[in-house]
Amino acid sequence: MKPMIFDLNLPQWASLLECPFCGGNAELFSDGDGVYAGCATRQCVIKPITDTYETKREAIRAWNRRPA
């Protein structure tokens, strides 16, 4: 099976909320199985991430709906 390649740039309609633990920026990442969102701040002690999703839209929704 051919590995999937994901464009991790945020779509124009989307934005990710700040990390609830450090207030830093969040980004989209790929793990080979899909896309997930997580804190991109190096100083964040918690480094929260979402589950892996098939689409960027699902990962963005999961991150923005997580408990704060």
N, C-alpha and C. Protein backbone atom coordinates (compact mmCIF):
# COMPACT_ATOMS: atom_id res chain seq x y z
N MET A 1 0.83 -1.17 0.00
CA MET A 1 0.00 0.00 0.00
C MET A 1 0.88 1.24 0.00
N LYS A 2 0.52 2.21 -0.81
CA LYS A 2 1.28 3.45 -0.95
C LYS A 2 1.00 4.37 0.25
N PRO A 3 2.04 4.94 0.88
CA PRO A 3 1.81 5.83 2.02
C PRO A 3 1.09 7.10 1.57
N MET A 4 0.24 7.60 2.47
CA MET A 4 -0.50 8.82 2.18
C MET A 4 0.38 10.03 2.50
N ILE A 5 0.28 11.05 1.68
CA ILE A 5 1.00 12.30 1.91
C ILE A 5 -0.04 13.37 2.21
N PHE A 6 0.14 14.06 3.31
CA PHE A 6 -0.82 15.05 3.74
C PHE A 6 -0.26 16.46 3.60
N ASP A 7 -1.07 17.35 3.06
CA ASP A 7 -0.76 18.77 3.05
C ASP A 7 -1.17 19.31 4.41
N LEU A 8 -0.22 19.71 5.24
CA LEU A 8 -0.52 20.10 6.61
C LEU A 8 -0.78 21.60 6.78
N ASN A 9 -0.82 22.35 5.68
CA ASN A 9 -1.19 23.76 5.78
C ASN A 9 -2.66 23.86 6.16
N LEU A 10 -2.97 24.82 7.02
CA LEU A 10 -4.36 25.02 7.41
C LEU A 10 -5.16 25.54 6.23
N PRO A 11 -6.35 25.01 6.02
CA PRO A 11 -7.20 25.57 4.98
C PRO A 11 -7.56 27.02 5.33
N GLN A 12 -7.94 27.78 4.34
CA GLN A 12 -8.25 29.19 4.54
C GLN A 12 -9.38 29.38 5.55
N TRP A 13 -10.32 28.47 5.61
CA TRP A 13 -11.49 28.59 6.50
C TRP A 13 -11.17 28.19 7.93
N ALA A 14 -10.02 27.60 8.18
CA ALA A 14 -9.76 26.98 9.47
C ALA A 14 -8.78 27.76 10.33
N SER A 15 -8.94 27.59 11.63
CA SER A 15 -7.94 28.08 12.58
C SER A 15 -7.95 27.13 13.77
N LEU A 16 -6.82 26.98 14.40
CA LEU A 16 -6.70 26.13 15.58
C LEU A 16 -6.64 27.01 16.82
N LEU A 17 -7.38 26.63 17.84
CA LEU A 17 -7.33 27.35 19.10
C LEU A 17 -5.97 27.17 19.76
N GLU A 18 -5.65 28.04 20.69
CA GLU A 18 -4.38 27.92 21.43
C GLU A 18 -4.38 26.68 22.31
N CYS A 19 -3.20 26.25 22.69
CA CYS A 19 -3.05 25.13 23.63
C CYS A 19 -3.68 25.53 24.97
N PRO A 20 -4.53 24.66 25.54
CA PRO A 20 -5.17 25.01 26.81
C PRO A 20 -4.21 24.99 28.00
N PHE A 21 -3.03 24.42 27.83
CA PHE A 21 -2.08 24.30 28.94
C PHE A 21 -1.03 25.40 28.96
N CYS A 22 -0.53 25.77 27.77
CA CYS A 22 0.54 26.78 27.74
C CYS A 22 0.14 28.04 26.98
N GLY A 23 -0.98 28.00 26.26
CA GLY A 23 -1.40 29.15 25.48
C GLY A 23 -0.66 29.32 24.17
N GLY A 24 0.16 28.33 23.82
CA GLY A 24 0.95 28.40 22.59
C GLY A 24 0.15 28.01 21.36
N ASN A 25 0.81 28.09 20.23
CA ASN A 25 0.19 27.77 18.95
C ASN A 25 0.04 26.27 18.77
N ALA A 26 -1.01 25.89 18.05
CA ALA A 26 -1.23 24.49 17.69
C ALA A 26 -0.97 24.34 16.19
N GLU A 27 -0.62 23.12 15.78
CA GLU A 27 -0.36 22.83 14.38
C GLU A 27 -0.95 21.47 14.03
N LEU A 28 -1.01 21.20 12.72
CA LEU A 28 -1.39 19.89 12.24
C LEU A 28 -0.13 19.08 11.99
N PHE A 29 -0.21 17.79 12.29
CA PHE A 29 0.91 16.88 12.09
C PHE A 29 0.40 15.63 11.38
N SER A 30 1.28 14.87 10.77
CA SER A 30 0.92 13.61 10.13
C SER A 30 1.75 12.49 10.74
N ASP A 31 1.10 11.34 10.96
CA ASP A 31 1.83 10.19 11.51
C ASP A 31 1.86 9.00 10.56
N GLY A 32 1.52 9.23 9.30
CA GLY A 32 1.52 8.15 8.33
C GLY A 32 0.17 7.49 8.18
N ASP A 33 -0.65 7.50 9.22
CA ASP A 33 -1.99 6.94 9.17
C ASP A 33 -3.04 8.02 8.98
N GLY A 34 -2.67 9.27 9.19
CA GLY A 34 -3.63 10.36 9.08
C GLY A 34 -3.05 11.64 9.62
N VAL A 35 -3.94 12.52 10.05
CA VAL A 35 -3.57 13.85 10.51
C VAL A 35 -4.05 14.03 11.94
N TYR A 36 -3.25 14.69 12.76
CA TYR A 36 -3.68 15.03 14.11
C TYR A 36 -3.22 16.45 14.42
N ALA A 37 -3.87 17.05 15.40
CA ALA A 37 -3.52 18.41 15.82
C ALA A 37 -2.87 18.33 17.20
N GLY A 38 -1.97 19.25 17.47
CA GLY A 38 -1.31 19.26 18.77
C GLY A 38 -0.59 20.56 19.01
N CYS A 39 -0.15 20.74 20.24
CA CYS A 39 0.61 21.92 20.62
C CYS A 39 1.97 21.88 19.94
N ALA A 40 2.36 23.02 19.38
CA ALA A 40 3.64 23.11 18.68
C ALA A 40 4.69 23.89 19.46
N THR A 41 4.38 24.22 20.71
CA THR A 41 5.30 25.00 21.53
C THR A 41 6.29 24.08 22.23
N ARG A 42 7.57 24.32 22.03
CA ARG A 42 8.61 23.46 22.62
C ARG A 42 8.59 23.49 24.14
N GLN A 43 8.22 24.62 24.72
CA GLN A 43 8.25 24.76 26.17
C GLN A 43 7.04 24.14 26.85
N CYS A 44 6.04 23.70 26.11
CA CYS A 44 4.84 23.12 26.70
C CYS A 44 5.19 21.80 27.38
N VAL A 45 4.84 21.68 28.63
CA VAL A 45 5.15 20.47 29.40
C VAL A 45 4.19 19.34 29.05
N ILE A 46 2.94 19.65 28.76
CA ILE A 46 1.90 18.64 28.50
C ILE A 46 1.93 18.13 27.06
N LYS A 47 2.11 19.01 26.08
CA LYS A 47 2.13 18.66 24.65
C LYS A 47 0.89 17.85 24.23
N PRO A 48 -0.33 18.39 24.45
CA PRO A 48 -1.53 17.63 24.09
C PRO A 48 -1.66 17.43 22.59
N ILE A 49 -2.25 16.30 22.20
CA ILE A 49 -2.55 16.00 20.80
C ILE A 49 -3.94 15.36 20.72
N THR A 50 -4.50 15.37 19.52
CA THR A 50 -5.76 14.70 19.28
C THR A 50 -5.49 13.27 18.82
N ASP A 51 -6.54 12.51 18.61
CA ASP A 51 -6.42 11.23 17.93
C ASP A 51 -6.03 11.50 16.48
N THR A 52 -5.71 10.47 15.74
CA THR A 52 -5.40 10.60 14.32
C THR A 52 -6.68 10.48 13.50
N TYR A 53 -6.86 11.37 12.55
CA TYR A 53 -8.05 11.41 11.71
C TYR A 53 -7.67 11.32 10.25
N GLU A 54 -8.63 10.95 9.41
CA GLU A 54 -8.38 10.83 7.98
C GLU A 54 -8.28 12.18 7.28
N THR A 55 -8.92 13.20 7.85
CA THR A 55 -8.91 14.50 7.19
C THR A 55 -8.46 15.61 8.14
N LYS A 56 -7.98 16.69 7.56
CA LYS A 56 -7.58 17.85 8.35
C LYS A 56 -8.80 18.42 9.07
N ARG A 57 -9.94 18.45 8.40
CA ARG A 57 -11.16 19.01 8.98
C ARG A 57 -11.51 18.29 10.28
N GLU A 58 -11.42 16.97 10.30
CA GLU A 58 -11.74 16.20 11.51
C GLU A 58 -10.75 16.50 12.63
N ALA A 59 -9.47 16.59 12.30
CA ALA A 59 -8.45 16.88 13.32
C ALA A 59 -8.64 18.28 13.90
N ILE A 60 -8.96 19.24 13.05
CA ILE A 60 -9.19 20.61 13.51
C ILE A 60 -10.40 20.67 14.43
N ARG A 61 -11.48 20.00 14.03
CA ARG A 61 -12.68 19.97 14.88
C ARG A 61 -12.39 19.34 16.23
N ALA A 62 -11.65 18.24 16.23
CA ALA A 62 -11.33 17.56 17.49
C ALA A 62 -10.50 18.47 18.40
N TRP A 63 -9.51 19.15 17.85
CA TRP A 63 -8.68 20.04 18.66
C TRP A 63 -9.50 21.19 19.22
N ASN A 64 -10.31 21.81 18.39
CA ASN A 64 -11.07 22.98 18.83
C ASN A 64 -12.22 22.63 19.77
N ARG A 65 -12.64 21.37 19.82
CA ARG A 65 -13.72 20.95 20.71
C ARG A 65 -13.23 20.27 21.98
N ARG A 66 -11.95 20.15 22.14
CA ARG A 66 -11.42 19.43 23.31
C ARG A 66 -11.71 20.21 24.58
N PRO A 67 -11.74 19.50 25.72
CA PRO A 67 -11.93 20.21 27.00
C PRO A 67 -10.76 21.14 27.27
N ALA A 68 -11.05 22.28 27.79
CA ALA A 68 -10.00 23.26 28.10
C ALA A 68 -9.50 23.08 29.52
